């Protein structure tokens, strides 16, 4: 029963996590001294190094935020129900 209830909440938290991760990445990219917008892969005016650095950093930020949200949601579910959602 916990698994069934946890799935929709996990989807909701995942979507919110994507928004949070995007905001964190944008601020981090600007703090590193780059423009406000990260380069797109097909952006002709950006170097390979800049495009790949932005993509790698974005991947790390998204993975960290996702893991933190997933882990926090599972821990919260356990606190509320006494069962760890699998």
N, C-alpha and C. Protein backbone atom coordinates (compact mmCIF):
# COMPACT_ATOMS: atom_id res chain seq x y z
N UNK A 1 0.82 -1.20 0.00
CA UNK A 1 0.00 0.00 0.00
C UNK A 1 0.87 1.27 0.00
N UNK A 2 1.96 1.24 0.76
CA UNK A 2 2.84 2.40 0.83
C UNK A 2 3.43 2.69 -0.54
N UNK A 3 3.80 1.64 -1.28
CA UNK A 3 4.38 1.82 -2.61
C UNK A 3 3.40 2.54 -3.54
N UNK A 4 2.14 2.17 -3.46
CA UNK A 4 1.12 2.77 -4.33
C UNK A 4 0.96 4.26 -4.02
N UNK A 5 0.98 4.61 -2.76
CA UNK A 5 0.85 6.01 -2.37
C UNK A 5 2.12 6.80 -2.65
N UNK A 6 3.24 6.14 -2.56
CA UNK A 6 4.53 6.81 -2.73
C UNK A 6 4.81 7.19 -4.18
N UNK A 7 4.33 6.40 -5.13
CA UNK A 7 4.61 6.64 -6.55
C UNK A 7 4.15 8.03 -7.02
N UNK A 8 2.89 8.42 -6.81
CA UNK A 8 2.47 9.75 -7.29
C UNK A 8 3.23 10.88 -6.59
N UNK A 9 3.50 10.72 -5.32
CA UNK A 9 4.26 11.74 -4.60
C UNK A 9 5.69 11.80 -5.13
N UNK A 10 6.27 10.66 -5.45
CA UNK A 10 7.60 10.62 -6.02
C UNK A 10 7.66 11.35 -7.36
N UNK A 11 6.63 11.18 -8.17
CA UNK A 11 6.58 11.89 -9.45
C UNK A 11 6.47 13.40 -9.25
N UNK A 12 5.65 13.80 -8.31
CA UNK A 12 5.49 15.22 -8.01
C UNK A 12 6.80 15.82 -7.50
N UNK A 13 7.43 15.13 -6.56
CA UNK A 13 8.69 15.62 -6.02
C UNK A 13 9.79 15.62 -7.08
N UNK A 14 9.74 14.66 -7.98
CA UNK A 14 10.72 14.63 -9.07
C UNK A 14 10.57 15.83 -9.99
N UNK A 15 9.34 16.20 -10.30
CA UNK A 15 9.10 17.37 -11.15
C UNK A 15 9.56 18.64 -10.45
N UNK A 16 9.24 18.76 -9.18
CA UNK A 16 9.69 19.93 -8.42
C UNK A 16 11.21 19.95 -8.31
N UNK A 17 11.80 18.78 -8.18
CA UNK A 17 13.25 18.68 -8.12
C UNK A 17 13.91 19.16 -9.41
N UNK A 18 13.29 18.89 -10.53
CA UNK A 18 13.81 19.36 -11.81
C UNK A 18 13.83 20.88 -11.87
N UNK A 19 12.78 21.50 -11.35
CA UNK A 19 12.71 22.96 -11.31
C UNK A 19 13.80 23.51 -10.39
N UNK A 20 13.95 22.89 -9.21
CA UNK A 20 14.96 23.33 -8.25
C UNK A 20 16.36 23.15 -8.85
N UNK A 21 16.60 22.01 -9.46
CA UNK A 21 17.92 21.74 -10.04
C UNK A 21 18.25 22.74 -11.15
N UNK A 22 17.27 23.09 -11.96
CA UNK A 22 17.48 24.07 -13.01
C UNK A 22 17.88 25.43 -12.44
N UNK A 23 17.20 25.82 -11.37
CA UNK A 23 17.52 27.10 -10.73
C UNK A 23 18.91 27.07 -10.09
N UNK A 24 19.24 25.97 -9.44
CA UNK A 24 20.56 25.83 -8.81
C UNK A 24 21.66 25.89 -9.87
N UNK A 25 21.47 25.16 -10.97
CA UNK A 25 22.46 25.16 -12.04
C UNK A 25 22.64 26.56 -12.62
N UNK A 26 21.55 27.25 -12.86
CA UNK A 26 21.62 28.59 -13.44
C UNK A 26 22.42 29.53 -12.55
N UNK A 27 22.16 29.47 -11.24
CA UNK A 27 22.90 30.33 -10.29
C UNK A 27 24.37 29.93 -10.22
N UNK A 28 24.62 28.63 -10.23
CA UNK A 28 25.99 28.14 -10.17
C UNK A 28 26.77 28.55 -11.41
N UNK A 29 26.14 28.43 -12.58
CA UNK A 29 26.78 28.80 -13.83
C UNK A 29 27.14 30.29 -13.81
N UNK A 30 26.22 31.13 -13.35
CA UNK A 30 26.48 32.57 -13.27
C UNK A 30 27.56 32.87 -12.23
N UNK A 31 27.56 32.16 -11.11
CA UNK A 31 28.56 32.39 -10.06
C UNK A 31 29.96 32.01 -10.52
N UNK A 32 30.06 31.08 -11.45
CA UNK A 32 31.36 30.68 -11.98
C UNK A 32 31.91 31.70 -12.98
N UNK A 33 31.17 32.79 -13.17
CA UNK A 33 31.66 33.86 -14.03
C UNK A 33 31.23 33.78 -15.47
N UNK A 34 30.26 32.94 -15.76
CA UNK A 34 29.78 32.81 -17.13
C UNK A 34 28.53 33.67 -17.31
N UNK A 35 28.05 33.74 -18.52
CA UNK A 35 26.82 34.48 -18.79
C UNK A 35 25.66 33.84 -18.03
N UNK A 36 24.54 34.53 -18.06
CA UNK A 36 23.35 34.00 -17.37
C UNK A 36 22.86 32.70 -17.99
N UNK A 37 22.98 32.59 -19.29
CA UNK A 37 22.49 31.40 -19.99
C UNK A 37 23.64 30.43 -20.27
N UNK A 38 23.42 29.17 -19.94
CA UNK A 38 24.41 28.14 -20.27
C UNK A 38 24.35 27.87 -21.77
N UNK A 39 25.47 27.48 -22.35
CA UNK A 39 25.46 27.24 -23.80
C UNK A 39 24.67 25.98 -24.17
N UNK A 40 24.03 26.03 -25.31
CA UNK A 40 23.38 24.85 -25.87
C UNK A 40 24.40 24.10 -26.70
N UNK A 41 24.20 22.84 -26.89
CA UNK A 41 25.16 22.02 -27.65
C UNK A 41 25.33 22.52 -29.08
N UNK A 42 24.29 23.05 -29.68
CA UNK A 42 24.35 23.50 -31.07
C UNK A 42 24.68 24.99 -31.19
N UNK A 43 25.06 25.63 -30.10
CA UNK A 43 25.40 27.05 -30.12
C UNK A 43 26.75 27.24 -30.82
N UNK A 44 26.72 27.81 -32.00
CA UNK A 44 27.92 27.93 -32.84
C UNK A 44 28.99 28.83 -32.23
N UNK A 45 28.59 29.79 -31.43
CA UNK A 45 29.53 30.77 -30.88
C UNK A 45 30.22 30.30 -29.60
N UNK A 46 29.92 29.12 -29.14
CA UNK A 46 30.53 28.60 -27.91
C UNK A 46 31.55 27.53 -28.25
N UNK A 47 32.55 27.39 -27.40
CA UNK A 47 33.59 26.39 -27.63
C UNK A 47 33.13 25.02 -27.15
N UNK A 48 33.81 23.99 -27.65
CA UNK A 48 33.54 22.62 -27.19
C UNK A 48 33.70 22.54 -25.67
N UNK A 49 34.79 23.13 -25.19
CA UNK A 49 35.09 23.07 -23.76
C UNK A 49 33.95 23.66 -22.93
N UNK A 50 33.45 24.82 -23.34
CA UNK A 50 32.39 25.48 -22.60
C UNK A 50 31.09 24.68 -22.64
N UNK A 51 30.76 24.15 -23.80
CA UNK A 51 29.53 23.37 -23.95
C UNK A 51 29.59 22.10 -23.10
N UNK A 52 30.73 21.39 -23.17
CA UNK A 52 30.86 20.15 -22.41
C UNK A 52 30.95 20.40 -20.91
N UNK A 53 31.60 21.47 -20.50
CA UNK A 53 31.65 21.82 -19.09
C UNK A 53 30.26 22.12 -18.56
N UNK A 54 29.49 22.89 -19.30
CA UNK A 54 28.13 23.21 -18.88
C UNK A 54 27.27 21.95 -18.79
N UNK A 55 27.37 21.08 -19.77
CA UNK A 55 26.58 19.84 -19.77
C UNK A 55 26.96 18.94 -18.60
N UNK A 56 28.24 18.82 -18.33
CA UNK A 56 28.69 17.98 -17.22
C UNK A 56 28.25 18.54 -15.88
N UNK A 57 28.39 19.84 -15.70
CA UNK A 57 27.97 20.47 -14.45
C UNK A 57 26.46 20.35 -14.25
N UNK A 58 25.73 20.54 -15.33
CA UNK A 58 24.28 20.41 -15.25
C UNK A 58 23.87 18.98 -14.87
N UNK A 59 24.54 18.00 -15.43
CA UNK A 59 24.25 16.61 -15.08
C UNK A 59 24.53 16.31 -13.63
N UNK A 60 25.64 16.83 -13.11
CA UNK A 60 25.98 16.61 -11.70
C UNK A 60 24.94 17.25 -10.80
N UNK A 61 24.56 18.49 -11.10
CA UNK A 61 23.57 19.19 -10.27
C UNK A 61 22.24 18.45 -10.28
N UNK A 62 21.78 18.04 -11.46
CA UNK A 62 20.50 17.35 -11.55
C UNK A 62 20.55 16.00 -10.81
N UNK A 63 21.64 15.27 -10.94
CA UNK A 63 21.75 13.98 -10.26
C UNK A 63 21.78 14.15 -8.74
N UNK A 64 22.50 15.16 -8.25
CA UNK A 64 22.55 15.40 -6.81
C UNK A 64 21.19 15.80 -6.25
N UNK A 65 20.51 16.70 -6.94
CA UNK A 65 19.19 17.12 -6.47
C UNK A 65 18.21 15.96 -6.51
N UNK A 66 18.23 15.17 -7.57
CA UNK A 66 17.34 14.02 -7.67
C UNK A 66 17.60 13.02 -6.55
N UNK A 67 18.87 12.71 -6.29
CA UNK A 67 19.20 11.76 -5.23
C UNK A 67 18.76 12.29 -3.87
N UNK A 68 18.97 13.58 -3.62
CA UNK A 68 18.58 14.16 -2.34
C UNK A 68 17.07 14.12 -2.15
N UNK A 69 16.33 14.42 -3.21
CA UNK A 69 14.87 14.40 -3.11
C UNK A 69 14.35 12.98 -2.97
N UNK A 70 14.87 12.06 -3.75
CA UNK A 70 14.44 10.65 -3.64
C UNK A 70 14.73 10.09 -2.25
N UNK A 71 15.94 10.36 -1.76
CA UNK A 71 16.33 9.84 -0.45
C UNK A 71 15.49 10.49 0.66
N UNK A 72 15.29 11.79 0.56
CA UNK A 72 14.47 12.49 1.56
C UNK A 72 13.03 12.00 1.55
N UNK A 73 12.49 11.77 0.35
CA UNK A 73 11.13 11.26 0.26
C UNK A 73 10.99 9.87 0.86
N UNK A 74 11.97 9.02 0.60
CA UNK A 74 11.94 7.66 1.17
C UNK A 74 12.08 7.71 2.69
N UNK A 75 12.99 8.55 3.18
CA UNK A 75 13.17 8.66 4.63
C UNK A 75 11.93 9.24 5.28
N UNK A 76 11.31 10.23 4.65
CA UNK A 76 10.07 10.79 5.19
C UNK A 76 8.94 9.78 5.21
N UNK A 77 8.86 8.97 4.17
CA UNK A 77 7.84 7.92 4.13
C UNK A 77 8.05 6.92 5.25
N UNK A 78 9.30 6.58 5.49
CA UNK A 78 9.59 5.63 6.58
C UNK A 78 9.21 6.22 7.94
N UNK A 79 9.50 7.51 8.13
CA UNK A 79 9.14 8.16 9.40
C UNK A 79 7.63 8.17 9.60
N UNK A 80 6.89 8.40 8.52
CA UNK A 80 5.43 8.49 8.63
C UNK A 80 4.75 7.13 8.73
N UNK A 81 5.28 6.14 8.00
CA UNK A 81 4.58 4.86 7.91
C UNK A 81 5.31 3.71 8.58
N UNK A 82 6.59 3.89 8.84
CA UNK A 82 7.38 2.80 9.40
C UNK A 82 7.88 1.83 8.35
N UNK A 83 7.59 2.11 7.07
CA UNK A 83 7.98 1.23 5.96
C UNK A 83 8.80 2.01 4.96
N UNK A 84 9.91 1.40 4.52
CA UNK A 84 10.74 2.02 3.48
C UNK A 84 10.14 1.68 2.11
N UNK A 85 9.84 2.68 1.29
CA UNK A 85 9.28 2.37 -0.03
C UNK A 85 10.37 1.83 -0.95
N UNK A 86 10.07 0.76 -1.64
CA UNK A 86 11.07 0.17 -2.55
C UNK A 86 10.89 0.66 -3.95
